[in-house]
Structures are given as structure tokens and as C-alpha cells.
Amino acid sequence: MPVRSPAGLLHAVSPVDDVNVRLERLGTCYVAVATIDIAIGSHLVDRLVAEGWAVTVLDDFSTGARANLADAQSRGEVRIVEGSILDPQAIEAAMAGSEVVFHLAVRCVRRSLGEPLHNHEVNATGTLNVLEVARRRQVGRFIYCSSSEVYGNCGPGPLVETATVCEPATVYGAAKLAGEHYAKA
């Protein structure tokens, strides 16, 4: 559910289909997608390009590949900024002219087990960096991609977002939960 922050930015944690419906109301604008290093990011770029959006991708390509963008680039306007969400200048370059930001950048849960400090730096501090640049640039909409890892080990029953208590069991889950709170602040 979207929440309006004191800075006036709209923050949401939403499925791609729901977000795309609401984006149609904004008209023509540039969209920045922070990272394609997970499958969701490249599929999101494909979907946005198919709907006629001009897309800028920020990625350090530490785990992803430029080849993941080849199809989208052949079908529409896709600009690539190679850089990290730990670098405010790279974020600034990626967000130039953007009205919408999808933040999907992440270091995965399995890396958090062996590299907890780096995982926190990318997933929590990097998220705060992206949010800060979006705030300064007065981006109209910011969509943060979280994870079920924020709930930890919930047991065998169904996970209900409105009722299940967040008790992350990994640095990854805790950092993603921090990102949720940063997006609402």
C-alpha cells in the first residue's frame, strides 16, 4: 500500500503489475531501475520497454550481465549507467530526468552469511543512498523491492503480511527490513 512521506514522495512495495497500472497516470517520463543483477530487474526492464517507457538501468554488473538487457535495448530506449548504489554520483547520473525509480539492487541472502557487513552496506546503506538522491531530485514515485526474508523463519503456516511479525533471521532480511522502514520515513 502506498504511503506519502513528509517529503512528499510516494513510496510503495507493490507487485510489478499493480505498479504499471498506476504508472500509466504519470504520462511520458523516464524510469530509472537500480540493478538488473536479479531476474526480476531484467524482466521489469523488458516490461517497461514493452509499454513504451524510456528506461535507465544502474548496475555494477557484479552478478548480472549486460546481455540480460540486449532484448530490451533492441526494442526501446534503454540507457545503462555502470556503477554502484554505494556511489551517489552514479545514482545521480542514473536518476537524471527520471520521474519514477524502481529500486531492486540487492546482495542476495546467501552472500549475507559469509559477508554480513558488505551485505548490510549494499542492502541498507545503498537503499538509503538511492532514497536520498530520489528525495533531492524530487522523484515522483519510488518503488522498493523487499523480500519475504524480513519475516524470518515463520513456520509452516501461511505468511500474512498484515499479521506476521517481522523477525529477520539473517543480515539480508534485517537490511531489507531497514530498507522498508527507510522508504516509509
C-alpha atoms as a PDB file:
ATOM      1  CA  MET A   1       0.000   0.000   0.000  1.00  0.00           C
ATOM      2  CA  PRO A   2       1.441   3.422  -0.904  1.00  0.00           C
ATOM      3  CA  VAL A   3       2.366   5.817   1.887  1.00  0.00           C
ATOM      4  CA  ARG A   4       3.009   9.553   1.471  1.00  0.00           C
ATOM      5  CA  SER A   5       6.135  10.667   3.317  1.00  0.00           C
ATOM      6  CA  PRO A   6       6.705  14.125   4.823  1.00  0.00           C
ATOM      7  CA  ALA A   7       8.963  14.917   1.846  1.00  0.00           C
ATOM      8  CA  GLY A   8       6.004  14.279  -0.475  1.00  0.00           C
ATOM      9  CA  LEU A   9       7.474  11.237  -2.237  1.00  0.00           C
ATOM     10  CA  LEU A  10       5.233   8.282  -2.856  1.00  0.00           C
ATOM     11  CA  HIS A  11       6.773   5.068  -1.590  1.00  0.00           C
ATOM     12  CA  ALA A  12       5.333   1.647  -2.270  1.00  0.00           C
ATOM     13  CA  VAL A  13       6.059  -2.036  -2.030  1.00  0.00           C
ATOM     14  CA  SER A  14       3.901  -3.419  -4.827  1.00  0.00           C
ATOM     15  CA  PRO A  15       3.760  -6.130  -7.459  1.00  0.00           C
ATOM     16  CA  VAL A  16       5.003  -5.035 -10.891  1.00  0.00           C
ATOM     17  CA  ASP A  17       1.529  -5.342 -12.454  1.00  0.00           C
ATOM     18  CA  ASP A  18      -0.022  -3.058  -9.820  1.00  0.00           C
ATOM     19  CA  VAL A  19       2.789  -0.519 -10.203  1.00  0.00           C
ATOM     20  CA  ASN A  20       2.477  -0.449 -14.006  1.00  0.00           C
ATOM     21  CA  VAL A  21      -1.234   0.327 -13.791  1.00  0.00           C
ATOM     22  CA  ARG A  22      -0.540   3.330 -11.559  1.00  0.00           C
ATOM     23  CA  LEU A  23       2.403   4.469 -13.700  1.00  0.00           C
ATOM     24  CA  GLU A  24       0.129   4.966 -16.689  1.00  0.00           C
ATOM     25  CA  ARG A  25      -1.308   8.019 -14.905  1.00  0.00           C
ATOM     26  CA  LEU A  26       2.070   9.794 -14.935  1.00  0.00           C
ATOM     27  CA  GLY A  27       2.300  10.146 -18.705  1.00  0.00           C
ATOM     28  CA  THR A  28       5.586  10.011 -20.601  1.00  0.00           C
ATOM     29  CA  CYS A  29       8.702  10.123 -18.447  1.00  0.00           C
ATOM     30  CA  TYR A  30      11.977   8.406 -17.823  1.00  0.00           C
ATOM     31  CA  VAL A  31      12.138   5.497 -15.411  1.00  0.00           C
ATOM     32  CA  ALA A  32      15.300   4.513 -13.541  1.00  0.00           C
ATOM     33  CA  VAL A  33      15.770   0.887 -12.469  1.00  0.00           C
ATOM     34  CA  ALA A  34      18.532   0.314  -9.943  1.00  0.00           C
ATOM     35  CA  THR A  35      20.129  -3.021 -10.930  1.00  0.00           C
ATOM     36  CA  ILE A  36      19.356  -5.890 -13.218  1.00  0.00           C
ATOM     37  CA  ASP A  37      21.503  -8.403 -11.353  1.00  0.00           C
ATOM     38  CA  ILE A  38      18.477 -10.443 -10.380  1.00  0.00           C
ATOM     39  CA  ALA A  39      15.976 -11.923 -12.816  1.00  0.00           C
ATOM     40  CA  ILE A  40      13.226  -9.576 -11.648  1.00  0.00           C
ATOM     41  CA  GLY A  41      15.192  -6.494 -12.752  1.00  0.00           C
ATOM     42  CA  SER A  42      15.733  -7.562 -16.342  1.00  0.00           C
ATOM     43  CA  HIS A  43      12.110  -8.721 -16.638  1.00  0.00           C
ATOM     44  CA  LEU A  44      10.957  -5.374 -15.248  1.00  0.00           C
ATOM     45  CA  VAL A  45      13.056  -3.550 -17.859  1.00  0.00           C
ATOM     46  CA  ASP A  46      11.555  -5.768 -20.584  1.00  0.00           C
ATOM     47  CA  ARG A  47       8.039  -4.963 -19.359  1.00  0.00           C
ATOM     48  CA  LEU A  48       8.643  -1.211 -19.082  1.00  0.00           C
ATOM     49  CA  VAL A  49      10.177  -1.059 -22.570  1.00  0.00           C
ATOM     50  CA  ALA A  50       7.256  -3.077 -23.982  1.00  0.00           C
ATOM     51  CA  GLU A  51       4.921  -0.444 -22.512  1.00  0.00           C
ATOM     52  CA  GLY A  52       6.887   2.351 -24.169  1.00  0.00           C
ATOM     53  CA  TRP A  53       8.878   3.698 -21.217  1.00  0.00           C
ATOM     54  CA  ALA A  54      12.380   5.118 -21.592  1.00  0.00           C
ATOM     55  CA  VAL A  55      14.452   3.229 -19.002  1.00  0.00           C
ATOM     56  CA  THR A  56      17.778   3.908 -17.319  1.00  0.00           C
ATOM     57  CA  VAL A  57      19.461   0.992 -15.558  1.00  0.00           C
ATOM     58  CA  LEU A  58      22.047   1.421 -12.793  1.00  0.00           C
ATOM     59  CA  ASP A  59      24.070  -1.720 -12.176  1.00  0.00           C
ATOM     60  CA  ASP A  60      27.603  -2.615 -11.144  1.00  0.00           C
ATOM     61  CA  PHE A  61      27.349  -5.912 -13.092  1.00  0.00           C
ATOM     62  CA  SER A  62      28.981  -7.793 -10.230  1.00  0.00           C
ATOM     63  CA  THR A  63      26.466 -10.598 -10.660  1.00  0.00           C
ATOM     64  CA  GLY A  64      24.371  -9.600 -13.667  1.00  0.00           C
ATOM     65  CA  ALA A  65      25.304  -9.377 -17.323  1.00  0.00           C
ATOM     66  CA  ARG A  66      24.736  -6.703 -19.944  1.00  0.00           C
ATOM     67  CA  ALA A  67      23.372  -9.479 -22.156  1.00  0.00           C
ATOM     68  CA  ASN A  68      20.287  -9.504 -19.898  1.00  0.00           C
ATOM     69  CA  LEU A  69      19.390  -6.110 -21.404  1.00  0.00           C
ATOM     70  CA  ALA A  70      20.061  -6.912 -25.074  1.00  0.00           C
ATOM     71  CA  ASP A  71      16.457  -7.703 -25.969  1.00  0.00           C
ATOM     72  CA  ALA A  72      15.080  -4.599 -24.243  1.00  0.00           C
ATOM     73  CA  GLN A  73      17.744  -2.410 -25.871  1.00  0.00           C
ATOM     74  CA  SER A  74      16.796  -3.719 -29.302  1.00  0.00           C
ATOM     75  CA  ARG A  75      13.130  -2.834 -28.699  1.00  0.00           C
ATOM     76  CA  GLY A  76      13.281   0.525 -26.924  1.00  0.00           C
ATOM     77  CA  GLU A  77      15.157   3.303 -25.208  1.00  0.00           C
ATOM     78  CA  VAL A  78      17.418   1.750 -22.548  1.00  0.00           C
ATOM     79  CA  ARG A  79      20.337   3.694 -21.096  1.00  0.00           C
ATOM     80  CA  ILE A  80      22.887   1.911 -18.911  1.00  0.00           C
ATOM     81  CA  VAL A  81      24.828   3.582 -16.114  1.00  0.00           C
ATOM     82  CA  GLU A  82      27.502   1.234 -14.831  1.00  0.00           C
ATOM     83  CA  GLY A  83      28.013   1.941 -11.155  1.00  0.00           C
ATOM     84  CA  SER A  84      27.068   1.093  -7.602  1.00  0.00           C
ATOM     85  CA  ILE A  85      24.294   2.240  -5.315  1.00  0.00           C
ATOM     86  CA  LEU A  86      27.108   2.956  -2.862  1.00  0.00           C
ATOM     87  CA  ASP A  87      28.240   5.777  -5.203  1.00  0.00           C
ATOM     88  CA  PRO A  88      25.953   8.838  -5.022  1.00  0.00           C
ATOM     89  CA  GLN A  89      27.381  10.215  -8.301  1.00  0.00           C
ATOM     90  CA  ALA A  90      26.400   7.039 -10.163  1.00  0.00           C
ATOM     91  CA  ILE A  91      22.919   7.229  -8.636  1.00  0.00           C
ATOM     92  CA  GLU A  92      22.627  10.899  -9.653  1.00  0.00           C
ATOM     93  CA  ALA A  93      23.628  10.011 -13.224  1.00  0.00           C
ATOM     94  CA  ALA A  94      21.089   7.189 -13.371  1.00  0.00           C
ATOM     95  CA  MET A  95      18.217   9.273 -11.986  1.00  0.00           C
ATOM     96  CA  ALA A  96      18.771  12.285 -14.250  1.00  0.00           C
ATOM     97  CA  GLY A  97      15.378  13.138 -15.746  1.00  0.00           C
ATOM     98  CA  SER A  98      13.568  10.225 -14.067  1.00  0.00           C
ATOM     99  CA  GLU A  99      10.104  10.590 -12.592  1.00  0.00           C
ATOM    100  CA  VAL A 100       9.918   7.008 -11.325  1.00  0.00           C
ATOM    101  CA  VAL A 101      12.523   4.824  -9.614  1.00  0.00           C
ATOM    102  CA  PHE A 102      12.313   1.077  -9.084  1.00  0.00           C
ATOM    103  CA  HIS A 103      14.899   0.019  -6.504  1.00  0.00           C
ATOM    104  CA  LEU A 104      15.776  -3.663  -6.885  1.00  0.00           C
ATOM    105  CA  ALA A 105      19.505  -3.553  -6.123  1.00  0.00           C
ATOM    106  CA  VAL A 106      20.499  -6.261  -3.669  1.00  0.00           C
ATOM    107  CA  ARG A 107      23.199  -8.578  -2.428  1.00  0.00           C
ATOM    108  CA  CYS A 108      21.479 -11.929  -2.004  1.00  0.00           C
ATOM    109  CA  VAL A 109      20.738 -13.783   1.209  1.00  0.00           C
ATOM    110  CA  ARG A 110      23.412 -16.453   0.702  1.00  0.00           C
ATOM    111  CA  ARG A 111      26.088 -13.741   0.467  1.00  0.00           C
ATOM    112  CA  SER A 112      24.890 -12.276   3.759  1.00  0.00           C
ATOM    113  CA  LEU A 113      26.024 -15.426   5.561  1.00  0.00           C
ATOM    114  CA  GLY A 114      29.672 -15.033   4.569  1.00  0.00           C
ATOM    115  CA  GLU A 115      29.834 -11.248   4.029  1.00  0.00           C
ATOM    116  CA  PRO A 116      27.379  -9.703   6.510  1.00  0.00           C
ATOM    117  CA  LEU A 117      28.977  -6.227   6.611  1.00  0.00           C
ATOM    118  CA  HIS A 118      29.088  -5.859   2.818  1.00  0.00           C
ATOM    119  CA  ASN A 119      25.554  -7.218   2.581  1.00  0.00           C
ATOM    120  CA  HIS A 120      24.337  -4.596   5.047  1.00  0.00           C
ATOM    121  CA  GLU A 121      26.270  -1.845   3.271  1.00  0.00           C
ATOM    122  CA  VAL A 122      24.664  -2.589  -0.108  1.00  0.00           C
ATOM    123  CA  ASN A 123      21.164  -3.541   1.045  1.00  0.00           C
ATOM    124  CA  ALA A 124      20.609  -0.968   3.809  1.00  0.00           C
ATOM    125  CA  THR A 125      23.098   1.870   3.240  1.00  0.00           C
ATOM    126  CA  GLY A 126      22.769   1.572  -0.555  1.00  0.00           C
ATOM    127  CA  THR A 127      18.987   1.816  -0.244  1.00  0.00           C
ATOM    128  CA  LEU A 128      19.328   4.942   1.876  1.00  0.00           C
ATOM    129  CA  ASN A 129      21.676   6.406  -0.776  1.00  0.00           C
ATOM    130  CA  VAL A 130      19.114   5.748  -3.534  1.00  0.00           C
ATOM    131  CA  LEU A 131      16.304   7.205  -1.420  1.00  0.00           C
ATOM    132  CA  GLU A 132      18.337  10.325  -0.615  1.00  0.00           C
ATOM    133  CA  VAL A 133      19.091  11.035  -4.277  1.00  0.00           C
ATOM    134  CA  ALA A 134      15.415  10.430  -5.147  1.00  0.00           C
ATOM    135  CA  ARG A 135      14.386  12.870  -2.404  1.00  0.00           C
ATOM    136  CA  ARG A 136      16.814  15.556  -3.585  1.00  0.00           C
ATOM    137  CA  ARG A 137      15.690  15.101  -7.191  1.00  0.00           C
ATOM    138  CA  GLN A 138      12.031  15.134  -6.122  1.00  0.00           C
ATOM    139  CA  VAL A 139      11.302  11.877  -7.932  1.00  0.00           C
ATOM    140  CA  GLY A 140       7.552  11.446  -8.268  1.00  0.00           C
ATOM    141  CA  ARG A 141       7.403   7.763  -7.381  1.00  0.00           C
ATOM    142  CA  PHE A 142       9.800   5.361  -5.663  1.00  0.00           C
ATOM    143  CA  ILE A 143       9.135   1.622  -5.620  1.00  0.00           C
ATOM    144  CA  TYR A 144      11.226  -0.536  -3.282  1.00  0.00           C
ATOM    145  CA  CYS A 145      11.501  -4.291  -3.788  1.00  0.00           C
ATOM    146  CA  SER A 146      11.698  -6.063  -0.419  1.00  0.00           C
ATOM    147  CA  SER A 147      11.799  -9.765   0.460  1.00  0.00           C
ATOM    148  CA  SER A 148       9.913 -12.365   2.474  1.00  0.00           C
ATOM    149  CA  GLU A 149      13.206 -12.729   4.386  1.00  0.00           C
ATOM    150  CA  VAL A 150      12.056  -9.774   6.521  1.00  0.00           C
ATOM    151  CA  TYR A 151       9.752 -12.258   8.301  1.00  0.00           C
ATOM    152  CA  GLY A 152      12.483 -14.764   9.160  1.00  0.00           C
ATOM    153  CA  ASN A 153      11.514 -18.350   9.875  1.00  0.00           C
ATOM    154  CA  CYS A 154       7.739 -18.054  10.256  1.00  0.00           C
ATOM    155  CA  GLY A 155       6.965 -21.728  10.471  1.00  0.00           C
ATOM    156  CA  PRO A 156       4.749 -23.894   8.288  1.00  0.00           C
ATOM    157  CA  GLY A 157       1.628 -21.687   8.239  1.00  0.00           C
ATOM    158  CA  PRO A 158       0.787 -19.136   5.584  1.00  0.00           C
ATOM    159  CA  LEU A 159       2.614 -15.822   5.582  1.00  0.00           C
ATOM    160  CA  VAL A 160       0.167 -12.945   6.015  1.00  0.00           C
ATOM    161  CA  GLU A 161       1.816  -9.542   5.564  1.00  0.00           C
ATOM    162  CA  THR A 162      -0.654  -7.755   7.828  1.00  0.00           C
ATOM    163  CA  ALA A 163      -0.400 -10.285  10.675  1.00  0.00           C
ATOM    164  CA  THR A 164       3.028 -11.941  10.551  1.00  0.00           C
ATOM    165  CA  VAL A 165       5.627 -10.307  12.808  1.00  0.00           C
ATOM    166  CA  CYS A 166       8.899  -9.310  11.127  1.00  0.00           C
ATOM    167  CA  GLU A 167      11.747 -11.191  12.814  1.00  0.00           C
ATOM    168  CA  PRO A 168      14.573 -11.473  10.265  1.00  0.00           C
ATOM    169  CA  ALA A 169      16.926 -14.416  10.775  1.00  0.00           C
ATOM    170  CA  THR A 170      19.722 -13.078   8.517  1.00  0.00           C
ATOM    171  CA  VAL A 171      21.564  -9.819   7.916  1.00  0.00           C
ATOM    172  CA  TYR A 172      19.955  -9.834   4.464  1.00  0.00           C
ATOM    173  CA  GLY A 173      16.446  -9.940   5.958  1.00  0.00           C
ATOM    174  CA  ALA A 174      17.292  -7.276   8.529  1.00  0.00           C
ATOM    175  CA  ALA A 175      18.805  -4.995   5.868  1.00  0.00           C
ATOM    176  CA  LYS A 176      15.753  -5.415   3.609  1.00  0.00           C
ATOM    177  CA  LEU A 177      13.501  -4.574   6.567  1.00  0.00           C
ATOM    178  CA  ALA A 178      15.628  -1.472   7.240  1.00  0.00           C
ATOM    179  CA  GLY A 179      15.099  -0.536   3.587  1.00  0.00           C
ATOM    180  CA  GLU A 180      11.320  -0.850   4.035  1.00  0.00           C
ATOM    181  CA  HIS A 181      11.454   1.481   7.018  1.00  0.00           C
ATOM    182  CA  TYR A 182      13.735   3.939   5.205  1.00  0.00           C
ATOM    183  CA  ALA A 183      11.275   4.034   2.288  1.00  0.00           C
ATOM    184  CA  LYS A 184       8.429   4.901   4.660  1.00  0.00           C
ATOM    185  CA  ALA A 185      10.381   7.534   6.614  1.00  0.00           C
END
